[in-house]
Amino acid sequence: MDLMTFVTLIVLAFAIVMVVAGALAAILGSGKSRAFGGVMAVVGLIVCVVWAYLVGWSDISPFCEVELYETVWNAVINLIGVLIGALVAVGIFLVVVLKS
């Protein structure tokens, strides 16, 4: 994994979390938190769109070397593997703790 692929994962994860957290704050919040949630969601959406454009469709040198679809696909597969491994480890831990 090269540096731009790693930075792409970081930026896209940041953008997605900003959109989701901002939407939840805008829906569930009140007053200032609702307004800040809306701003967070918009900022996350702008960052995601701009970065996806730079990586996916621009010809700018460091960005055009990243395969966006392959990077996101590999990240999702790796995340699923991590979750399965963590769930198995927690399950074994619970069995050991509850049986002793």
PDB file of N, CA and C in Angstrom:
ATOM      1  N   MET A   1       0.855  -1.170   0.000  1.00  0.00           N
ATOM      2  CA  MET A   1       0.000   0.000   0.000  1.00  0.00           C
ATOM      3  C   MET A   1       0.904   1.238   0.000  1.00  0.00           C
ATOM      4  N   ASP A   2       0.687   2.115  -0.946  1.00  0.00           N
ATOM      5  CA  ASP A   2       1.493   3.311  -1.004  1.00  0.00           C
ATOM      6  C   ASP A   2       0.851   4.446  -0.200  1.00  0.00           C
ATOM      7  N   LEU A   3       1.536   5.560  -0.129  1.00  0.00           N
ATOM      8  CA  LEU A   3       1.101   6.671   0.713  1.00  0.00           C
ATOM      9  C   LEU A   3      -0.230   7.261   0.257  1.00  0.00           C
ATOM     10  N   MET A   4      -0.415   7.453  -1.042  1.00  0.00           N
ATOM     11  CA  MET A   4      -1.664   8.068  -1.520  1.00  0.00           C
ATOM     12  C   MET A   4      -2.863   7.155  -1.296  1.00  0.00           C
ATOM     13  N   THR A   5      -2.680   5.858  -1.376  1.00  0.00           N
ATOM     14  CA  THR A   5      -3.775   4.935  -1.075  1.00  0.00           C
ATOM     15  C   THR A   5      -4.153   5.039   0.396  1.00  0.00           C
ATOM     16  N   PHE A   6      -3.158   5.108   1.256  1.00  0.00           N
ATOM     17  CA  PHE A   6      -3.403   5.244   2.695  1.00  0.00           C
ATOM     18  C   PHE A   6      -4.103   6.565   3.004  1.00  0.00           C
ATOM     19  N   VAL A   7      -3.643   7.647   2.399  1.00  0.00           N
ATOM     20  CA  VAL A   7      -4.267   8.958   2.619  1.00  0.00           C
ATOM     21  C   VAL A   7      -5.701   8.957   2.086  1.00  0.00           C
ATOM     22  N   THR A   8      -5.933   8.281   0.969  1.00  0.00           N
ATOM     23  CA  THR A   8      -7.288   8.184   0.425  1.00  0.00           C
ATOM     24  C   THR A   8      -8.216   7.475   1.394  1.00  0.00           C
ATOM     25  N   LEU A   9      -7.750   6.392   2.001  1.00  0.00           N
ATOM     26  CA  LEU A   9      -8.567   5.690   2.993  1.00  0.00           C
ATOM     27  C   LEU A   9      -8.874   6.586   4.185  1.00  0.00           C
ATOM     28  N   ILE A  10      -7.883   7.326   4.650  1.00  0.00           N
ATOM     29  CA  ILE A  10      -8.088   8.209   5.791  1.00  0.00           C
ATOM     30  C   ILE A  10      -9.097   9.305   5.463  1.00  0.00           C
ATOM     31  N   VAL A  11      -8.926   9.941   4.316  1.00  0.00           N
ATOM     32  CA  VAL A  11      -9.813  11.053   3.945  1.00  0.00           C
ATOM     33  C   VAL A  11     -11.237  10.559   3.714  1.00  0.00           C
ATOM     34  N   LEU A  12     -11.399   9.439   3.018  1.00  0.00           N
ATOM     35  CA  LEU A  12     -12.749   8.934   2.774  1.00  0.00           C
ATOM     36  C   LEU A  12     -13.421   8.453   4.062  1.00  0.00           C
ATOM     37  N   ALA A  13     -12.668   7.829   4.957  1.00  0.00           N
ATOM     38  CA  ALA A  13     -13.242   7.431   6.245  1.00  0.00           C
ATOM     39  C   ALA A  13     -13.652   8.664   7.047  1.00  0.00           C
ATOM     40  N   PHE A  14     -12.810   9.692   7.044  1.00  0.00           N
ATOM     41  CA  PHE A  14     -13.141  10.945   7.720  1.00  0.00           C
ATOM     42  C   PHE A  14     -14.421  11.542   7.152  1.00  0.00           C
ATOM     43  N   ALA A  15     -14.519  11.584   5.830  1.00  0.00           N
ATOM     44  CA  ALA A  15     -15.684  12.182   5.189  1.00  0.00           C
ATOM     45  C   ALA A  15     -16.960  11.404   5.493  1.00  0.00           C
ATOM     46  N   ILE A  16     -16.891  10.094   5.443  1.00  0.00           N
ATOM     47  CA  ILE A  16     -18.085   9.287   5.707  1.00  0.00           C
ATOM     48  C   ILE A  16     -18.531   9.422   7.146  1.00  0.00           C
ATOM     49  N   VAL A  17     -17.590   9.411   8.083  1.00  0.00           N
ATOM     50  CA  VAL A  17     -17.946   9.575   9.492  1.00  0.00           C
ATOM     51  C   VAL A  17     -18.510  10.972   9.745  1.00  0.00           C
ATOM     52  N   MET A  18     -17.963  11.989   9.090  1.00  0.00           N
ATOM     53  CA  MET A  18     -18.493  13.348   9.240  1.00  0.00           C
ATOM     54  C   MET A  18     -19.936  13.429   8.739  1.00  0.00           C
ATOM     55  N   VAL A  19     -20.218  12.809   7.608  1.00  0.00           N
ATOM     56  CA  VAL A  19     -21.573  12.838   7.069  1.00  0.00           C
ATOM     57  C   VAL A  19     -22.540  12.123   8.006  1.00  0.00           C
ATOM     58  N   VAL A  20     -22.174  10.931   8.463  1.00  0.00           N
ATOM     59  CA  VAL A  20     -23.068  10.157   9.335  1.00  0.00           C
ATOM     60  C   VAL A  20     -23.254  10.847  10.682  1.00  0.00           C
ATOM     61  N   ALA A  21     -22.167  11.282  11.310  1.00  0.00           N
ATOM     62  CA  ALA A  21     -22.273  11.952  12.608  1.00  0.00           C
ATOM     63  C   ALA A  21     -23.012  13.271  12.483  1.00  0.00           C
ATOM     64  N   GLY A  22     -22.748  14.005  11.417  1.00  0.00           N
ATOM     65  CA  GLY A  22     -23.454  15.263  11.208  1.00  0.00           C
ATOM     66  C   GLY A  22     -24.937  15.062  10.977  1.00  0.00           C
ATOM     67  N   ALA A  23     -25.288  14.044  10.215  1.00  0.00           N
ATOM     68  CA  ALA A  23     -26.706  13.763   9.973  1.00  0.00           C
ATOM     69  C   ALA A  23     -27.406  13.358  11.266  1.00  0.00           C
ATOM     70  N   LEU A  24     -26.752  12.529  12.067  1.00  0.00           N
ATOM     71  CA  LEU A  24     -27.354  12.137  13.344  1.00  0.00           C
ATOM     72  C   LEU A  24     -27.508  13.336  14.282  1.00  0.00           C
ATOM     73  N   ALA A  25     -26.497  14.198  14.314  1.00  0.00           N
ATOM     74  CA  ALA A  25     -26.587  15.383  15.165  1.00  0.00           C
ATOM     75  C   ALA A  25     -27.672  16.332  14.660  1.00  0.00           C
ATOM     76  N   ALA A  26     -27.812  16.450  13.353  1.00  0.00           N
ATOM     77  CA  ALA A  26     -28.839  17.331  12.795  1.00  0.00           C
ATOM     78  C   ALA A  26     -30.236  16.780  13.044  1.00  0.00           C
ATOM     79  N   ILE A  27     -30.378  15.468  13.018  1.00  0.00           N
ATOM     80  CA  ILE A  27     -31.695  14.859  13.222  1.00  0.00           C
ATOM     81  C   ILE A  27     -32.058  14.812  14.705  1.00  0.00           C
ATOM     82  N   LEU A  28     -31.119  14.392  15.547  1.00  0.00           N
ATOM     83  CA  LEU A  28     -31.414  14.152  16.950  1.00  0.00           C
ATOM     84  C   LEU A  28     -31.110  15.347  17.859  1.00  0.00           C
ATOM     85  N   GLY A  29     -30.355  16.310  17.365  1.00  0.00           N
ATOM     86  CA  GLY A  29     -29.955  17.443  18.202  1.00  0.00           C
ATOM     87  C   GLY A  29     -31.021  18.519  18.259  1.00  0.00           C
ATOM     88  N   SER A  30     -30.682  19.553  19.015  1.00  0.00           N
ATOM     89  CA  SER A  30     -31.578  20.704  19.091  1.00  0.00           C
ATOM     90  C   SER A  30     -30.730  21.963  19.202  1.00  0.00           C
ATOM     91  N   GLY A  31     -31.221  23.041  18.620  1.00  0.00           N
ATOM     92  CA  GLY A  31     -30.525  24.318  18.714  1.00  0.00           C
ATOM     93  C   GLY A  31     -29.214  24.326  17.960  1.00  0.00           C
ATOM     94  N   LYS A  32     -28.149  24.716  18.695  1.00  0.00           N
ATOM     95  CA  LYS A  32     -26.832  24.830  18.072  1.00  0.00           C
ATOM     96  C   LYS A  32     -26.302  23.489  17.584  1.00  0.00           C
ATOM     97  N   SER A  33     -26.548  22.420  18.327  1.00  0.00           N
ATOM     98  CA  SER A  33     -26.030  21.118  17.909  1.00  0.00           C
ATOM     99  C   SER A  33     -26.653  20.677  16.588  1.00  0.00           C
ATOM    100  N   ARG A  34     -27.902  21.046  16.338  1.00  0.00           N
ATOM    101  CA  ARG A  34     -28.544  20.720  15.069  1.00  0.00           C
ATOM    102  C   ARG A  34     -27.872  21.476  13.919  1.00  0.00           C
ATOM    103  N   ALA A  35     -27.567  22.744  14.159  1.00  0.00           N
ATOM    104  CA  ALA A  35     -26.896  23.540  13.128  1.00  0.00           C
ATOM    105  C   ALA A  35     -25.482  23.032  12.873  1.00  0.00           C
ATOM    106  N   PHE A  36     -24.747  22.730  13.945  1.00  0.00           N
ATOM    107  CA  PHE A  36     -23.398  22.192  13.775  1.00  0.00           C
ATOM    108  C   PHE A  36     -23.431  20.832  13.081  1.00  0.00           C
ATOM    109  N   GLY A  37     -24.426  20.032  13.371  1.00  0.00           N
ATOM    110  CA  GLY A  37     -24.570  18.745  12.701  1.00  0.00           C
ATOM    111  C   GLY A  37     -24.784  18.910  11.208  1.00  0.00           C
ATOM    112  N   GLY A  38     -25.598  19.869  10.841  1.00  0.00           N
ATOM    113  CA  GLY A  38     -25.806  20.147   9.419  1.00  0.00           C
ATOM    114  C   GLY A  38     -24.531  20.588   8.736  1.00  0.00           C
ATOM    115  N   VAL A  39     -23.773  21.455   9.411  1.00  0.00           N
ATOM    116  CA  VAL A  39     -22.493  21.911   8.851  1.00  0.00           C
ATOM    117  C   VAL A  39     -21.521  20.746   8.717  1.00  0.00           C
ATOM    118  N   MET A  40     -21.473  19.885   9.729  1.00  0.00           N
ATOM    119  CA  MET A  40     -20.592  18.712   9.665  1.00  0.00           C
ATOM    120  C   MET A  40     -20.957  17.815   8.484  1.00  0.00           C
ATOM    121  N   ALA A  41     -22.244  17.575   8.286  1.00  0.00           N
ATOM    122  CA  ALA A  41     -22.682  16.718   7.191  1.00  0.00           C
ATOM    123  C   ALA A  41     -22.315  17.318   5.841  1.00  0.00           C
ATOM    124  N   VAL A  42     -22.498  18.623   5.700  1.00  0.00           N
ATOM    125  CA  VAL A  42     -22.166  19.278   4.438  1.00  0.00           C
ATOM    126  C   VAL A  42     -20.656  19.251   4.193  1.00  0.00           C
ATOM    127  N   VAL A  43     -19.861  19.532   5.226  1.00  0.00           N
ATOM    128  CA  VAL A  43     -18.401  19.495   5.080  1.00  0.00           C
ATOM    129  C   VAL A  43     -17.940  18.087   4.704  1.00  0.00           C
ATOM    130  N   GLY A  44     -18.473  17.074   5.357  1.00  0.00           N
ATOM    131  CA  GLY A  44     -18.112  15.699   5.027  1.00  0.00           C
ATOM    132  C   GLY A  44     -18.478  15.336   3.604  1.00  0.00           C
ATOM    133  N   LEU A  45     -19.630  15.780   3.157  1.00  0.00           N
ATOM    134  CA  LEU A  45     -20.070  15.500   1.795  1.00  0.00           C
ATOM    135  C   LEU A  45     -19.172  16.205   0.777  1.00  0.00           C
ATOM    136  N   ILE A  46     -18.809  17.451   1.054  1.00  0.00           N
ATOM    137  CA  ILE A  46     -17.925  18.195   0.146  1.00  0.00           C
ATOM    138  C   ILE A  46     -16.554  17.535   0.073  1.00  0.00           C
ATOM    139  N   VAL A  47     -15.998  17.152   1.228  1.00  0.00           N
ATOM    140  CA  VAL A  47     -14.687  16.495   1.242  1.00  0.00           C
ATOM    141  C   VAL A  47     -14.741  15.187   0.462  1.00  0.00           C
ATOM    142  N   CYS A  48     -15.783  14.412   0.651  1.00  0.00           N
ATOM    143  CA  CYS A  48     -15.912  13.126  -0.036  1.00  0.00           C
ATOM    144  C   CYS A  48     -16.013  13.327  -1.548  1.00  0.00           C
ATOM    145  N   VAL A  49     -16.820  14.266  -1.997  1.00  0.00           N
ATOM    146  CA  VAL A  49     -16.995  14.499  -3.426  1.00  0.00           C
ATOM    147  C   VAL A  49     -15.709  15.026  -4.053  1.00  0.00           C
ATOM    148  N   VAL A  50     -15.062  15.992  -3.395  1.00  0.00           N
ATOM    149  CA  VAL A  50     -13.830  16.562  -3.944  1.00  0.00           C
ATOM    150  C   VAL A  50     -12.736  15.505  -4.019  1.00  0.00           C
ATOM    151  N   TRP A  51     -12.570  14.724  -2.958  1.00  0.00           N
ATOM    152  CA  TRP A  51     -11.503  13.708  -2.965  1.00  0.00           C
ATOM    153  C   TRP A  51     -11.795  12.616  -3.988  1.00  0.00           C
ATOM    154  N   ALA A  52     -13.053  12.183  -4.078  1.00  0.00           N
ATOM    155  CA  ALA A  52     -13.405  11.163  -5.068  1.00  0.00           C
ATOM    156  C   ALA A  52     -13.170  11.688  -6.480  1.00  0.00           C
ATOM    157  N   TYR A  53     -13.457  12.961  -6.717  1.00  0.00           N
ATOM    158  CA  TYR A  53     -13.180  13.534  -8.031  1.00  0.00           C
ATOM    159  C   TYR A  53     -11.676  13.556  -8.305  1.00  0.00           C
ATOM    160  N   LEU A  54     -10.894  14.010  -7.329  1.00  0.00           N
ATOM    161  CA  LEU A  54      -9.446  14.093  -7.528  1.00  0.00           C
ATOM    162  C   LEU A  54      -8.829  12.724  -7.784  1.00  0.00           C
ATOM    163  N   VAL A  55      -9.296  11.721  -7.061  1.00  0.00           N
ATOM    164  CA  VAL A  55      -8.709  10.381  -7.197  1.00  0.00           C
ATOM    165  C   VAL A  55      -9.286   9.643  -8.402  1.00  0.00           C
ATOM    166  N   GLY A  56     -10.562   9.785  -8.631  1.00  0.00           N
ATOM    167  CA  GLY A  56     -11.209   8.980  -9.655  1.00  0.00           C
ATOM    168  C   GLY A  56     -11.185   9.545 -11.053  1.00  0.00           C
ATOM    169  N   TRP A  57     -11.286  10.865 -11.202  1.00  0.00           N
ATOM    170  CA  TRP A  57     -11.485  11.407 -12.535  1.00  0.00           C
ATOM    171  C   TRP A  57     -10.506  12.509 -12.939  1.00  0.00           C
ATOM    172  N   SER A  58      -9.581  12.889 -12.081  1.00  0.00           N
ATOM    173  CA  SER A  58      -8.647  13.950 -12.458  1.00  0.00           C
ATOM    174  C   SER A  58      -7.352  13.359 -12.992  1.00  0.00           C
ATOM    175  N   ASP A  59      -6.575  14.186 -13.622  1.00  0.00           N
ATOM    176  CA  ASP A  59      -5.278  13.761 -14.139  1.00  0.00           C
ATOM    177  C   ASP A  59      -4.132  14.386 -13.362  1.00  0.00           C
ATOM    178  N   ILE A  60      -4.400  14.798 -12.129  1.00  0.00           N
ATOM    179  CA  ILE A  60      -3.372  15.403 -11.293  1.00  0.00           C
ATOM    180  C   ILE A  60      -2.458  14.291 -10.789  1.00  0.00           C
ATOM    181  N   SER A  61      -1.160  14.512 -10.829  1.00  0.00           N
ATOM    182  CA  SER A  61      -0.150  13.474 -10.658  1.00  0.00           C
ATOM    183  C   SER A  61      -0.307  12.568  -9.436  1.00  0.00           C
ATOM    184  N   PRO A  62      -0.272  13.050  -8.204  1.00  0.00           N
ATOM    185  CA  PRO A  62      -0.318  12.063  -7.113  1.00  0.00           C
ATOM    186  C   PRO A  62      -1.676  11.389  -6.968  1.00  0.00           C
ATOM    187  N   PHE A  63      -2.734  12.032  -7.449  1.00  0.00           N
ATOM    188  CA  PHE A  63      -4.069  11.478  -7.264  1.00  0.00           C
ATOM    189  C   PHE A  63      -4.407  10.406  -8.292  1.00  0.00           C
ATOM    190  N   CYS A  64      -3.927  10.561  -9.513  1.00  0.00           N
ATOM    191  CA  CYS A  64      -4.325   9.636 -10.571  1.00  0.00           C
ATOM    192  C   CYS A  64      -3.685   8.262 -10.427  1.00  0.00           C
ATOM    193  N   GLU A  65      -2.746   8.101  -9.508  1.00  0.00           N
ATOM    194  CA  GLU A  65      -2.099   6.811  -9.305  1.00  0.00           C
ATOM    195  C   GLU A  65      -2.913   5.873  -8.418  1.00  0.00           C
ATOM    196  N   VAL A  66      -3.953   6.381  -7.768  1.00  0.00           N
ATOM    197  CA  VAL A  66      -4.762   5.589  -6.838  1.00  0.00           C
ATOM    198  C   VAL A  66      -5.972   5.025  -7.576  1.00  0.00           C
ATOM    199  N   GLU A  67      -6.177   3.723  -7.454  1.00  0.00           N
ATOM    200  CA  GLU A  67      -7.373   3.089  -8.000  1.00  0.00           C
ATOM    201  C   GLU A  67      -8.467   3.162  -6.941  1.00  0.00           C
ATOM    202  N   LEU A  68      -9.428   4.069  -7.117  1.00  0.00           N
ATOM    203  CA  LEU A  68     -10.423   4.351  -6.083  1.00  0.00           C
ATOM    204  C   LEU A  68     -11.282   3.130  -5.766  1.00  0.00           C
ATOM    205  N   TYR A  69     -11.828   2.487  -6.786  1.00  0.00           N
ATOM    206  CA  TYR A  69     -12.714   1.353  -6.549  1.00  0.00           C
ATOM    207  C   TYR A  69     -11.975   0.217  -5.853  1.00  0.00           C
ATOM    208  N   GLU A  70     -10.782  -0.090  -6.334  1.00  0.00           N
ATOM    209  CA  GLU A  70     -10.000  -1.185  -5.740  1.00  0.00           C
ATOM    210  C   GLU A  70      -9.604  -0.862  -4.302  1.00  0.00           C
ATOM    211  N   THR A  71      -9.261   0.389  -4.041  1.00  0.00           N
ATOM    212  CA  THR A  71      -8.873   0.799  -2.691  1.00  0.00           C
ATOM    213  C   THR A  71     -10.037   0.665  -1.719  1.00  0.00           C
ATOM    214  N   VAL A  72     -11.203   1.158  -2.117  1.00  0.00           N
ATOM    215  CA  VAL A  72     -12.374   1.069  -1.239  1.00  0.00           C
ATOM    216  C   VAL A  72     -12.798  -0.384  -1.065  1.00  0.00           C
ATOM    217  N   TRP A  73     -12.768  -1.174  -2.140  1.00  0.00           N
ATOM    218  CA  TRP A  73     -13.146  -2.582  -2.055  1.00  0.00           C
ATOM    219  C   TRP A  73     -12.220  -3.338  -1.093  1.00  0.00           C
ATOM    220  N   ASN A  74     -10.915  -3.122  -1.217  1.00  0.00           N
ATOM    221  CA  ASN A  74      -9.966  -3.777  -0.323  1.00  0.00           C
ATOM    222  C   ASN A  74     -10.166  -3.340   1.120  1.00  0.00           C
ATOM    223  N   ALA A  75     -10.487  -2.075   1.331  1.00  0.00           N
ATOM    224  CA  ALA A  75     -10.730  -1.586   2.691  1.00  0.00           C
ATOM    225  C   ALA A  75     -11.951  -2.266   3.304  1.00  0.00           C
ATOM    226  N   VAL A  76     -13.007  -2.422   2.527  1.00  0.00           N
ATOM    227  CA  VAL A  76     -14.222  -3.069   3.033  1.00  0.00           C
ATOM    228  C   VAL A  76     -13.945  -4.537   3.353  1.00  0.00           C
ATOM    229  N   ILE A  77     -13.234  -5.231   2.478  1.00  0.00           N
ATOM    230  CA  ILE A  77     -12.901  -6.639   2.718  1.00  0.00           C
ATOM    231  C   ILE A  77     -12.023  -6.776   3.959  1.00  0.00           C
ATOM    232  N   ASN A  78     -11.037  -5.896   4.109  1.00  0.00           N
ATOM    233  CA  ASN A  78     -10.179  -5.934   5.291  1.00  0.00           C
ATOM    234  C   ASN A  78     -10.966  -5.647   6.559  1.00  0.00           C
ATOM    235  N   LEU A  79     -11.898  -4.712   6.502  1.00  0.00           N
ATOM    236  CA  LEU A  79     -12.724  -4.393   7.667  1.00  0.00           C
ATOM    237  C   LEU A  79     -13.594  -5.578   8.063  1.00  0.00           C
ATOM    238  N   ILE A  80     -14.155  -6.259   7.090  1.00  0.00           N
ATOM    239  CA  ILE A  80     -14.966  -7.445   7.388  1.00  0.00           C
ATOM    240  C   ILE A  80     -14.108  -8.525   8.035  1.00  0.00           C
ATOM    241  N   GLY A  81     -12.896  -8.716   7.529  1.00  0.00           N
ATOM    242  CA  GLY A  81     -11.989  -9.692   8.128  1.00  0.00           C
ATOM    243  C   GLY A  81     -11.623  -9.348   9.558  1.00  0.00           C
ATOM    244  N   VAL A  82     -11.366  -8.068   9.816  1.00  0.00           N
ATOM    245  CA  VAL A  82     -11.045  -7.629  11.174  1.00  0.00           C
ATOM    246  C   VAL A  82     -12.232  -7.856  12.106  1.00  0.00           C
ATOM    247  N   LEU A  83     -13.424  -7.536  11.651  1.00  0.00           N
ATOM    248  CA  LEU A  83     -14.613  -7.723  12.490  1.00  0.00           C
ATOM    249  C   LEU A  83     -14.852  -9.200  12.793  1.00  0.00           C
ATOM    250  N   ILE A  84     -14.691 -10.064  11.806  1.00  0.00           N
ATOM    251  CA  ILE A  84     -14.883 -11.500  12.041  1.00  0.00           C
ATOM    252  C   ILE A  84     -13.851 -12.011  13.038  1.00  0.00           C
ATOM    253  N   GLY A  85     -12.591 -11.635  12.849  1.00  0.00           N
ATOM    254  CA  GLY A  85     -11.544 -12.061  13.781  1.00  0.00           C
ATOM    255  C   GLY A  85     -11.792 -11.554  15.192  1.00  0.00           C
ATOM    256  N   ALA A  86     -12.209 -10.294  15.311  1.00  0.00           N
ATOM    257  CA  ALA A  86     -12.475  -9.733  16.635  1.00  0.00           C
ATOM    258  C   ALA A  86     -13.663 -10.428  17.299  1.00  0.00           C
ATOM    259  N   LEU A  87     -14.715 -10.709  16.533  1.00  0.00           N
ATOM    260  CA  LEU A  87     -15.879 -11.386  17.097  1.00  0.00           C
ATOM    261  C   LEU A  87     -15.537 -12.805  17.550  1.00  0.00           C
ATOM    262  N   VAL A  88     -14.737 -13.507  16.791  1.00  0.00           N
ATOM    263  CA  VAL A  88     -14.314 -14.857  17.199  1.00  0.00           C
ATOM    264  C   VAL A  88     -13.491 -14.785  18.484  1.00  0.00           C
ATOM    265  N   ALA A  89     -12.565 -13.827  18.553  1.00  0.00           N
ATOM    266  CA  ALA A  89     -11.736 -13.684  19.757  1.00  0.00           C
ATOM    267  C   ALA A  89     -12.584 -13.324  20.975  1.00  0.00           C
ATOM    268  N   VAL A  90     -13.527 -12.425  20.816  1.00  0.00           N
ATOM    269  CA  VAL A  90     -14.404 -12.054  21.933  1.00  0.00           C
ATOM    270  C   VAL A  90     -15.275 -13.235  22.331  1.00  0.00           C
ATOM    271  N   GLY A  91     -15.763 -13.995  21.348  1.00  0.00           N
ATOM    272  CA  GLY A  91     -16.568 -15.172  21.656  1.00  0.00           C
ATOM    273  C   GLY A  91     -15.783 -16.197  22.457  1.00  0.00           C
ATOM    274  N   ILE A  92     -14.542 -16.467  22.058  1.00  0.00           N
ATOM    275  CA  ILE A  92     -13.696 -17.404  22.806  1.00  0.00           C
ATOM    276  C   ILE A  92     -13.423 -16.872  24.202  1.00  0.00           C
ATOM    277  N   PHE A  93     -13.148 -15.579  24.316  1.00  0.00           N
ATOM    278  CA  PHE A  93     -12.921 -14.966  25.620  1.00  0.00           C
ATOM    279  C   PHE A  93     -14.132 -15.124  26.527  1.00  0.00           C
ATOM    280  N   LEU A  94     -15.316 -14.877  26.007  1.00  0.00           N
ATOM    281  CA  LEU A  94     -16.530 -14.999  26.817  1.00  0.00           C
ATOM    282  C   LEU A  94     -16.767 -16.444  27.249  1.00  0.00           C
ATOM    283  N   VAL A  95     -16.533 -17.388  26.354  1.00  0.00           N
ATOM    284  CA  VAL A  95     -16.700 -18.791  26.718  1.00  0.00           C
ATOM    285  C   VAL A  95     -15.733 -19.170  27.839  1.00  0.00           C
ATOM    286  N   VAL A  96     -14.492 -18.744  27.731  1.00  0.00           N
ATOM    287  CA  VAL A  96     -13.492 -19.066  28.749  1.00  0.00           C
ATOM    288  C   VAL A  96     -13.858 -18.425  30.083  1.00  0.00           C
ATOM    289  N   VAL A  97     -14.260 -17.162  30.048  1.00  0.00           N
ATOM    290  CA  VAL A  97     -14.583 -16.440  31.289  1.00  0.00           C
ATOM    291  C   VAL A  97     -15.847 -17.005  31.939  1.00  0.00           C
ATOM    292  N   LEU A  98     -16.847 -17.303  31.137  1.00  0.00           N
ATOM    293  CA  LEU A  98     -18.104 -17.797  31.708  1.00  0.00           C
ATOM    294  C   LEU A  98     -18.004 -19.250  32.177  1.00  0.00           C
ATOM    295  N   LYS A  99     -17.109 -20.035  31.609  1.00  0.00           N
ATOM    296  CA  LYS A  99     -16.960 -21.427  32.017  1.00  0.00           C
ATOM    297  C   LYS A  99     -16.036 -21.585  33.230  1.00  0.00           C
ATOM    298  N   SER A 100     -15.271 -20.561  33.562  1.00  0.00           N
ATOM    299  CA  SER A 100     -14.349 -20.703  34.698  1.00  0.00           C
ATOM    300  C   SER A 100     -14.928 -20.158  35.973  1.00  0.00           C
TER     301      SER A 100
END
